[in-house]
Amino acid sequence: AVDNMEKYEIIFIGYPVWWHATPALINTFLESYDLTGKLIIPFCTSGGSDIDETMPTFLNSCKGLAVYGQRRISETSQISGWLDDLQLNL
């Protein structure tokens, strides 16, 4: 459980790709909170599958929410560039 979810404006959701899909645990998490007005930024890890394969199930759990900047991360060195690309001014 996440305490004080209402305090967060931007939520990064990271997950491994399981059989070309978002793990059920992630979908349950997304459906368990009122995320209205929050920016959801998904990222995943995978040896070969792309995040695009997981987006249909992910987006189904985020109906009506702003989802932005999804990315598959396969190397630690990619993280800084991805965060820069998001231009979130964190």
PDB file of N, CA and C in Angstrom:
ATOM      1  N   ALA A   1       0.844  -1.186   0.000  1.00  0.00           N
ATOM      2  CA  ALA A   1       0.000   0.000   0.000  1.00  0.00           C
ATOM      3  C   ALA A   1       0.886   1.246   0.000  1.00  0.00           C
ATOM      4  N   VAL A   2       0.394   2.268  -0.634  1.00  0.00           N
ATOM      5  CA  VAL A   2       1.107   3.545  -0.684  1.00  0.00           C
ATOM      6  C   VAL A   2       0.379   4.524   0.226  1.00  0.00           C
ATOM      7  N   ASP A   3       1.077   5.008   1.237  1.00  0.00           N
ATOM      8  CA  ASP A   3       0.492   6.014   2.117  1.00  0.00           C
ATOM      9  C   ASP A   3       0.474   7.360   1.413  1.00  0.00           C
ATOM     10  N   ASN A   4      -0.587   8.107   1.614  1.00  0.00           N
ATOM     11  CA  ASN A   4      -0.688   9.475   1.102  1.00  0.00           C
ATOM     12  C   ASN A   4      -0.532   9.570  -0.410  1.00  0.00           C
ATOM     13  N   MET A   5      -1.141   8.680  -1.144  1.00  0.00           N
ATOM     14  CA  MET A   5      -1.048   8.699  -2.607  1.00  0.00           C
ATOM     15  C   MET A   5      -1.457  10.056  -3.169  1.00  0.00           C
ATOM     16  N   GLU A   6      -2.371  10.736  -2.494  1.00  0.00           N
ATOM     17  CA  GLU A   6      -2.846  12.032  -2.990  1.00  0.00           C
ATOM     18  C   GLU A   6      -1.746  13.085  -3.053  1.00  0.00           C
ATOM     19  N   LYS A   7      -0.652  12.890  -2.360  1.00  0.00           N
ATOM     20  CA  LYS A   7       0.452  13.858  -2.362  1.00  0.00           C
ATOM     21  C   LYS A   7       1.298  13.800  -3.633  1.00  0.00           C
ATOM     22  N   TYR A   8       1.199  12.724  -4.377  1.00  0.00           N
ATOM     23  CA  TYR A   8       2.056  12.529  -5.541  1.00  0.00           C
ATOM     24  C   TYR A   8       1.381  13.013  -6.817  1.00  0.00           C
ATOM     25  N   GLU A   9       2.131  13.760  -7.626  1.00  0.00           N
ATOM     26  CA  GLU A   9       1.626  14.239  -8.908  1.00  0.00           C
ATOM     27  C   GLU A   9       2.118  13.362 -10.055  1.00  0.00           C
ATOM     28  N   ILE A  10       3.332  12.855  -9.929  1.00  0.00           N
ATOM     29  CA  ILE A  10       3.958  12.024 -10.954  1.00  0.00           C
ATOM     30  C   ILE A  10       4.262  10.664 -10.335  1.00  0.00           C
ATOM     31  N   ILE A  11       3.858   9.609 -11.027  1.00  0.00           N
ATOM     32  CA  ILE A  11       4.078   8.259 -10.513  1.00  0.00           C
ATOM     33  C   ILE A  11       4.803   7.429 -11.565  1.00  0.00           C
ATOM     34  N   PHE A  12       5.998   6.989 -11.226  1.00  0.00           N
ATOM     35  CA  PHE A  12       6.763   6.081 -12.080  1.00  0.00           C
ATOM     36  C   PHE A  12       6.360   4.656 -11.714  1.00  0.00           C
ATOM     37  N   ILE A  13       5.977   3.871 -12.711  1.00  0.00           N
ATOM     38  CA  ILE A  13       5.586   2.480 -12.490  1.00  0.00           C
ATOM     39  C   ILE A  13       6.566   1.595 -13.253  1.00  0.00           C
ATOM     40  N   GLY A  14       7.368   0.842 -12.528  1.00  0.00           N
ATOM     41  CA  GLY A  14       8.341  -0.049 -13.154  1.00  0.00           C
ATOM     42  C   GLY A  14       7.949  -1.504 -12.967  1.00  0.00           C
ATOM     43  N   TYR A  15       8.208  -2.301 -13.991  1.00  0.00           N
ATOM     44  CA  TYR A  15       7.827  -3.712 -13.923  1.00  0.00           C
ATOM     45  C   TYR A  15       8.625  -4.537 -14.926  1.00  0.00           C
ATOM     46  N   PRO A  16       8.763  -5.836 -14.655  1.00  0.00           N
ATOM     47  CA  PRO A  16       9.351  -6.735 -15.653  1.00  0.00           C
ATOM     48  C   PRO A  16       8.259  -7.157 -16.639  1.00  0.00           C
ATOM     49  N   VAL A  17       8.628  -7.417 -17.860  1.00  0.00           N
ATOM     50  CA  VAL A  17       7.671  -7.939 -18.838  1.00  0.00           C
ATOM     51  C   VAL A  17       7.544  -9.439 -18.611  1.00  0.00           C
ATOM     52  N   TRP A  18       6.335  -9.901 -18.399  1.00  0.00           N
ATOM     53  CA  TRP A  18       6.069 -11.322 -18.203  1.00  0.00           C
ATOM     54  C   TRP A  18       5.236 -11.812 -19.371  1.00  0.00           C
ATOM     55  N   TRP A  19       5.817 -12.655 -20.196  1.00  0.00           N
ATOM     56  CA  TRP A  19       5.113 -13.241 -21.338  1.00  0.00           C
ATOM     57  C   TRP A  19       4.425 -12.168 -22.176  1.00  0.00           C
ATOM     58  N   HIS A  20       5.172 -11.122 -22.499  1.00  0.00           N
ATOM     59  CA  HIS A  20       4.714 -10.041 -23.378  1.00  0.00           C
ATOM     60  C   HIS A  20       3.590  -9.203 -22.769  1.00  0.00           C
ATOM     61  N   ALA A  21       3.463  -9.210 -21.455  1.00  0.00           N
ATOM     62  CA  ALA A  21       2.367  -8.478 -20.819  1.00  0.00           C
ATOM     63  C   ALA A  21       2.824  -7.822 -19.523  1.00  0.00           C
ATOM     64  N   THR A  22       2.029  -6.883 -19.070  1.00  0.00           N
ATOM     65  CA  THR A  22       2.226  -6.274 -17.761  1.00  0.00           C
ATOM     66  C   THR A  22       1.850  -7.307 -16.701  1.00  0.00           C
ATOM     67  N   PRO A  23       2.646  -7.483 -15.649  1.00  0.00           N
ATOM     68  CA  PRO A  23       2.271  -8.423 -14.593  1.00  0.00           C
ATOM     69  C   PRO A  23       0.929  -8.035 -13.956  1.00  0.00           C
ATOM     70  N   ALA A  24       0.126  -9.021 -13.615  1.00  0.00           N
ATOM     71  CA  ALA A  24      -1.191  -8.772 -13.012  1.00  0.00           C
ATOM     72  C   ALA A  24      -1.081  -7.905 -11.761  1.00  0.00           C
ATOM     73  N   LEU A  25      -0.012  -8.049 -11.012  1.00  0.00           N
ATOM     74  CA  LEU A  25       0.192  -7.249  -9.809  1.00  0.00           C
ATOM     75  C   LEU A  25       0.191  -5.754 -10.129  1.00  0.00           C
ATOM     76  N   ILE A  26       0.789  -5.367 -11.245  1.00  0.00           N
ATOM     77  CA  ILE A  26       0.834  -3.957 -11.643  1.00  0.00           C
ATOM     78  C   ILE A  26      -0.564  -3.469 -11.996  1.00  0.00           C
ATOM     79  N   ASN A  27      -1.313  -4.275 -12.738  1.00  0.00           N
ATOM     80  CA  ASN A  27      -2.685  -3.890 -13.081  1.00  0.00           C
ATOM     81  C   ASN A  27      -3.538  -3.735 -11.828  1.00  0.00           C
ATOM     82  N   THR A  28      -3.380  -4.642 -10.872  1.00  0.00           N
ATOM     83  CA  THR A  28      -4.116  -4.551  -9.610  1.00  0.00           C
ATOM     84  C   THR A  28      -3.749  -3.272  -8.869  1.00  0.00           C
ATOM     85  N   PHE A  29      -2.467  -2.943  -8.825  1.00  0.00           N
ATOM     86  CA  PHE A  29      -2.020  -1.708  -8.176  1.00  0.00           C
ATOM     87  C   PHE A  29      -2.684  -0.495  -8.822  1.00  0.00           C
ATOM     88  N   LEU A  30      -2.639  -0.420 -10.144  1.00  0.00           N
ATOM     89  CA  LEU A  30      -3.204   0.724 -10.860  1.00  0.00           C
ATOM     90  C   LEU A  30      -4.704   0.865 -10.617  1.00  0.00           C
ATOM     91  N   GLU A  31      -5.389  -0.250 -10.518  1.00  0.00           N
ATOM     92  CA  GLU A  31      -6.837  -0.235 -10.337  1.00  0.00           C
ATOM     93  C   GLU A  31      -7.247  -0.017  -8.881  1.00  0.00           C
ATOM     94  N   SER A  32      -6.291  -0.072  -7.950  1.00  0.00           N
ATOM     95  CA  SER A  32      -6.587   0.041  -6.525  1.00  0.00           C
ATOM     96  C   SER A  32      -6.573   1.472  -6.006  1.00  0.00           C
ATOM     97  N   TYR A  33      -6.091   2.396  -6.789  1.00  0.00           N
ATOM     98  CA  TYR A  33      -5.959   3.781  -6.347  1.00  0.00           C
ATOM     99  C   TYR A  33      -6.697   4.714  -7.293  1.00  0.00           C
ATOM    100  N   ASP A  34      -7.143   5.838  -6.753  1.00  0.00           N
ATOM    101  CA  ASP A  34      -7.689   6.901  -7.593  1.00  0.00           C
ATOM    102  C   ASP A  34      -6.501   7.721  -8.076  1.00  0.00           C
ATOM    103  N   LEU A  35      -6.123   7.531  -9.312  1.00  0.00           N
ATOM    104  CA  LEU A  35      -4.957   8.208  -9.880  1.00  0.00           C
ATOM    105  C   LEU A  35      -5.363   9.375 -10.778  1.00  0.00           C
ATOM    106  N   THR A  36      -6.587   9.825 -10.661  1.00  0.00           N
ATOM    107  CA  THR A  36      -7.082  10.941 -11.453  1.00  0.00           C
ATOM    108  C   THR A  36      -6.195  12.164 -11.253  1.00  0.00           C
ATOM    109  N   GLY A  37      -5.798  12.789 -12.357  1.00  0.00           N
ATOM    110  CA  GLY A  37      -4.985  14.000 -12.303  1.00  0.00           C
ATOM    111  C   GLY A  37      -3.497  13.755 -12.139  1.00  0.00           C
ATOM    112  N   LYS A  38      -3.091  12.505 -12.045  1.00  0.00           N
ATOM    113  CA  LYS A  38      -1.674  12.183 -11.883  1.00  0.00           C
ATOM    114  C   LYS A  38      -1.068  11.809 -13.227  1.00  0.00           C
ATOM    115  N   LEU A  39       0.213  12.072 -13.377  1.00  0.00           N
ATOM    116  CA  LEU A  39       0.946  11.681 -14.576  1.00  0.00           C
ATOM    117  C   LEU A  39       1.589  10.331 -14.299  1.00  0.00           C
ATOM    118  N   ILE A  40       1.257   9.333 -15.090  1.00  0.00           N
ATOM    119  CA  ILE A  40       1.775   7.976 -14.924  1.00  0.00           C
ATOM    120  C   ILE A  40       2.873   7.756 -15.958  1.00  0.00           C
ATOM    121  N   ILE A  41       4.063   7.352 -15.493  1.00  0.00           N
ATOM    122  CA  ILE A  41       5.194   7.116 -16.389  1.00  0.00           C
ATOM    123  C   ILE A  41       5.654   5.671 -16.212  1.00  0.00           C
ATOM    124  N   PRO A  42       5.269   4.801 -17.145  1.00  0.00           N
ATOM    125  CA  PRO A  42       5.663   3.400 -17.033  1.00  0.00           C
ATOM    126  C   PRO A  42       7.046   3.134 -17.627  1.00  0.00           C
ATOM    127  N   PHE A  43       7.741   2.180 -17.019  1.00  0.00           N
ATOM    128  CA  PHE A  43       8.985   1.676 -17.600  1.00  0.00           C
ATOM    129  C   PHE A  43       9.078   0.198 -17.265  1.00  0.00           C
ATOM    130  N   CYS A  44       9.788  -0.534 -18.088  1.00  0.00           N
ATOM    131  CA  CYS A  44       9.898  -1.966 -17.846  1.00  0.00           C
ATOM    132  C   CYS A  44      11.312  -2.447 -18.105  1.00  0.00           C
ATOM    133  N   THR A  45      11.564  -3.641 -17.620  1.00  0.00           N
ATOM    134  CA  THR A  45      12.810  -4.337 -17.912  1.00  0.00           C
ATOM    135  C   THR A  45      12.455  -5.595 -18.680  1.00  0.00           C
ATOM    136  N   SER A  46      13.305  -5.951 -19.617  1.00  0.00           N
ATOM    137  CA  SER A  46      13.062  -7.147 -20.412  1.00  0.00           C
ATOM    138  C   SER A  46      14.310  -7.492 -21.187  1.00  0.00           C
ATOM    139  N   GLY A  47      14.514  -8.765 -21.367  1.00  0.00           N
ATOM    140  CA  GLY A  47      15.631  -9.208 -22.181  1.00  0.00           C
ATOM    141  C   GLY A  47      15.367  -9.078 -23.668  1.00  0.00           C
ATOM    142  N   GLY A  48      14.102  -9.012 -24.059  1.00  0.00           N
ATOM    143  CA  GLY A  48      13.820  -8.953 -25.484  1.00  0.00           C
ATOM    144  C   GLY A  48      12.506  -8.304 -25.861  1.00  0.00           C
ATOM    145  N   SER A  49      11.493  -8.424 -25.017  1.00  0.00           N
ATOM    146  CA  SER A  49      10.188  -7.847 -25.330  1.00  0.00           C
ATOM    147  C   SER A  49      10.226  -6.336 -25.179  1.00  0.00           C
ATOM    148  N   ASP A  50       9.444  -5.650 -26.002  1.00  0.00           N
ATOM    149  CA  ASP A  50       9.377  -4.199 -25.933  1.00  0.00           C
ATOM    150  C   ASP A  50       8.187  -3.783 -25.069  1.00  0.00           C
ATOM    151  N   ILE A  51       8.271  -2.603 -24.493  1.00  0.00           N
ATOM    152  CA  ILE A  51       7.186  -2.112 -23.642  1.00  0.00           C
ATOM    153  C   ILE A  51       5.879  -1.970 -24.417  1.00  0.00           C
ATOM    154  N   ASP A  52       5.975  -1.732 -25.724  1.00  0.00           N
ATOM    155  CA  ASP A  52       4.761  -1.587 -26.531  1.00  0.00           C
ATOM    156  C   ASP A  52       3.868  -2.824 -26.450  1.00  0.00           C
ATOM    157  N   GLU A  53       4.478  -3.992 -26.250  1.00  0.00           N
ATOM    158  CA  GLU A  53       3.698  -5.227 -26.127  1.00  0.00           C
ATOM    159  C   GLU A  53       2.852  -5.235 -24.860  1.00  0.00           C
ATOM    160  N   THR A  54       3.283  -4.523 -23.836  1.00  0.00           N
ATOM    161  CA  THR A  54       2.581  -4.513 -22.553  1.00  0.00           C
ATOM    162  C   THR A  54       1.562  -3.388 -22.443  1.00  0.00           C
ATOM    163  N   MET A  55       1.628  -2.413 -23.319  1.00  0.00           N
ATOM    164  CA  MET A  55       0.803  -1.221 -23.161  1.00  0.00           C
ATOM    165  C   MET A  55      -0.703  -1.462 -23.256  1.00  0.00           C
ATOM    166  N   PRO A  56      -1.210  -2.380 -24.083  1.00  0.00           N
ATOM    167  CA  PRO A  56      -2.667  -2.570 -24.087  1.00  0.00           C
ATOM    168  C   PRO A  56      -3.234  -2.932 -22.709  1.00  0.00           C
ATOM    169  N   THR A  57      -2.606  -3.875 -22.003  1.00  0.00           N
ATOM    170  CA  THR A  57      -3.115  -4.238 -20.679  1.00  0.00           C
ATOM    171  C   THR A  57      -2.839  -3.136 -19.667  1.00  0.00           C
ATOM    172  N   PHE A  58      -1.694  -2.479 -19.779  1.00  0.00           N
ATOM    173  CA  PHE A  58      -1.362  -1.379 -18.872  1.00  0.00           C
ATOM    174  C   PHE A  58      -2.385  -0.257 -19.024  1.00  0.00           C
ATOM    175  N   LEU A  59      -2.629   0.168 -20.255  1.00  0.00           N
ATOM    176  CA  LEU A  59      -3.555   1.274 -20.509  1.00  0.00           C
ATOM    177  C   LEU A  59      -4.984   0.915 -20.130  1.00  0.00           C
ATOM    178  N   ASN A  60      -5.345  -0.352 -20.237  1.00  0.00           N
ATOM    179  CA  ASN A  60      -6.680  -0.778 -19.824  1.00  0.00           C
ATOM    180  C   ASN A  60      -6.890  -0.540 -18.334  1.00  0.00           C
ATOM    181  N   SER A  61      -5.823  -0.622 -17.556  1.00  0.00           N
ATOM    182  CA  SER A  61      -5.900  -0.374 -16.118  1.00  0.00           C
ATOM    183  C   SER A  61      -5.773   1.103 -15.781  1.00  0.00           C
ATOM    184  N   CYS A  62      -5.501   1.932 -16.777  1.00  0.00           N
ATOM    185  CA  CYS A  62      -5.292   3.377 -16.574  1.00  0.00           C
ATOM    186  C   CYS A  62      -6.292   4.210 -17.370  1.00  0.00           C
ATOM    187  N   LYS A  63      -7.469   3.697 -17.610  1.00  0.00           N
ATOM    188  CA  LYS A  63      -8.435   4.412 -18.442  1.00  0.00           C
ATOM    189  C   LYS A  63      -8.659   5.831 -17.931  1.00  0.00           C
ATOM    190  N   GLY A  64      -8.521   6.788 -18.846  1.00  0.00           N
ATOM    191  CA  GLY A  64      -8.754   8.185 -18.515  1.00  0.00           C
ATOM    192  C   GLY A  64      -7.586   8.886 -17.857  1.00  0.00           C
ATOM    193  N   LEU A  65      -6.470   8.201 -17.684  1.00  0.00           N
ATOM    194  CA  LEU A  65      -5.312   8.805 -17.023  1.00  0.00           C
ATOM    195  C   LEU A  65      -4.269   9.229 -18.046  1.00  0.00           C
ATOM    196  N   ALA A  66      -3.432  10.171 -17.655  1.00  0.00           N
ATOM    197  CA  ALA A  66      -2.339  10.634 -18.514  1.00  0.00           C
ATOM    198  C   ALA A  66      -1.154   9.692 -18.359  1.00  0.00           C
ATOM    199  N   VAL A  67      -0.820   8.992 -19.427  1.00  0.00           N
ATOM    200  CA  VAL A  67       0.327   8.076 -19.435  1.00  0.00           C
ATOM    201  C   VAL A  67       1.325   8.635 -20.425  1.00  0.00           C
ATOM    202  N   TYR A  68       2.590   8.765 -19.991  1.00  0.00           N
ATOM    203  CA  TYR A  68       3.578   9.500 -20.772  1.00  0.00           C
ATOM    204  C   TYR A  68       4.943   8.846 -20.668  1.00  0.00           C
ATOM    205  N   GLY A  69       5.694   8.873 -21.749  1.00  0.00           N
ATOM    206  CA  GLY A  69       7.115   8.548 -21.726  1.00  0.00           C
ATOM    207  C   GLY A  69       7.489   7.111 -21.473  1.00  0.00           C
ATOM    208  N   GLN A  70       6.620   6.176 -21.840  1.00  0.00           N
ATOM    209  CA  GLN A  70       6.937   4.776 -21.563  1.00  0.00           C
ATOM    210  C   GLN A  70       8.238   4.359 -22.241  1.00  0.00           C
ATOM    211  N   ARG A  71       8.992   3.505 -21.552  1.00  0.00           N
ATOM    212  CA  ARG A  71      10.302   3.107 -22.067  1.00  0.00           C
ATOM    213  C   ARG A  71      10.685   1.749 -21.518  1.00  0.00           C
ATOM    214  N   ARG A  72      11.363   0.965 -22.344  1.00  0.00           N
ATOM    215  CA  ARG A  72      11.988  -0.271 -21.872  1.00  0.00           C
ATOM    216  C   ARG A  72      13.433   0.064 -21.549  1.00  0.00           C
ATOM    217  N   ILE A  73      13.867  -0.288 -20.368  1.00  0.00           N
ATOM    218  CA  ILE A  73      15.232  -0.037 -19.919  1.00  0.00           C
ATOM    219  C   ILE A  73      15.976  -1.365 -19.941  1.00  0.00           C
ATOM    220  N   SER A  74      17.030  -1.441 -20.737  1.00  0.00           N
ATOM    221  CA  SER A  74      17.804  -2.681 -20.775  1.00  0.00           C
ATOM    222  C   SER A  74      19.212  -2.498 -20.216  1.00  0.00           C
ATOM    223  N   GLU A  75      19.613  -1.246 -19.994  1.00  0.00           N
ATOM    224  CA  GLU A  75      20.925  -0.965 -19.414  1.00  0.00           C
ATOM    225  C   GLU A  75      20.815   0.234 -18.477  1.00  0.00           C
ATOM    226  N   THR A  76      21.549   0.186 -17.383  1.00  0.00           N
ATOM    227  CA  THR A  76      21.540   1.277 -16.418  1.00  0.00           C
ATOM    228  C   THR A  76      21.895   2.606 -17.067  1.00  0.00           C
ATOM    229  N   SER A  77      22.771   2.579 -18.036  1.00  0.00           N
ATOM    230  CA  SER A  77      23.217   3.815 -18.683  1.00  0.00           C
ATOM    231  C   SER A  77      22.087   4.528 -19.433  1.00  0.00           C
ATOM    232  N   GLN A  78      20.986   3.850 -19.713  1.00  0.00           N
ATOM    233  CA  GLN A  78      19.866   4.459 -20.438  1.00  0.00           C
ATOM    234  C   GLN A  78      18.978   5.325 -19.547  1.00  0.00           C
ATOM    235  N   ILE A  79      19.064   5.149 -18.252  1.00  0.00           N
ATOM    236  CA  ILE A  79      18.144   5.818 -17.336  1.00  0.00           C
ATOM    237  C   ILE A  79      18.295   7.334 -17.369  1.00  0.00           C
ATOM    238  N   SER A  80      19.493   7.848 -17.279  1.00  0.00           N
ATOM    239  CA  SER A  80      19.695   9.299 -17.264  1.00  0.00           C
ATOM    240  C   SER A  80      19.171   9.956 -18.530  1.00  0.00           C
ATOM    241  N   GLY A  81      19.456   9.360 -19.682  1.00  0.00           N
ATOM    242  CA  GLY A  81      18.979   9.910 -20.947  1.00  0.00           C
ATOM    243  C   GLY A  81      17.463   9.920 -21.029  1.00  0.00           C
ATOM    244  N   TRP A  82      16.842   8.851 -20.544  1.00  0.00           N
ATOM    245  CA  TRP A  82      15.383   8.769 -20.548  1.00  0.00           C
ATOM    246  C   TRP A  82      14.784   9.848 -19.658  1.00  0.00           C
ATOM    247  N   LEU A  83      15.332  10.023 -18.455  1.00  0.00           N
ATOM    248  CA  LEU A  83      14.824  11.057 -17.551  1.00  0.00           C
ATOM    249  C   LEU A  83      14.997  12.446 -18.154  1.00  0.00           C
ATOM    250  N   ASP A  84      16.117  12.683 -18.818  1.00  0.00           N
ATOM    251  CA  ASP A  84      16.319  13.963 -19.504  1.00  0.00           C
ATOM    252  C   ASP A  84      15.280  14.159 -20.600  1.00  0.00           C
ATOM    253  N   ASP A  85      15.000  13.105 -21.363  1.00  0.00           N
ATOM    254  CA  ASP A  85      14.018  13.180 -22.449  1.00  0.00           C
ATOM    255  C   ASP A  85      12.618  13.517 -21.940  1.00  0.00           C
ATOM    256  N   LEU A  86      12.297  13.111 -20.720  1.00  0.00           N
ATOM    257  CA  LEU A  86      10.972  13.374 -20.163  1.00  0.00           C
ATOM    258  C   LEU A  86      10.739  14.862 -19.896  1.00  0.00           C
ATOM    259  N   GLN A  87      11.801  15.615 -19.676  1.00  0.00           N
ATOM    260  CA  GLN A  87      11.729  17.063 -19.425  1.00  0.00           C
ATOM    261  C   GLN A  87      10.716  17.398 -18.326  1.00  0.00           C
ATOM    262  N   LEU A  88      10.833  16.727 -17.202  1.00  0.00           N
ATOM    263  CA  LEU A  88       9.901  16.924 -16.098  1.00  0.00           C
ATOM    264  C   LEU A  88      10.333  18.008 -15.123  1.00  0.00           C
ATOM    265  N   ASN A  89      11.561  18.471 -15.221  1.00  0.00           N
ATOM    266  CA  ASN A  89      12.090  19.477 -14.291  1.00  0.00           C
ATOM    267  C   ASN A  89      11.907  19.041 -12.841  1.00  0.00           C
ATOM    268  N   LEU A  90      12.359  17.833 -12.550  1.00  0.00           N
ATOM    269  CA  LEU A  90      12.234  17.294 -11.188  1.00  0.00           C
ATOM    270  C   LEU A  90      13.210  17.941 -10.248  1.00  0.00           C
TER     271      LEU A  90
END
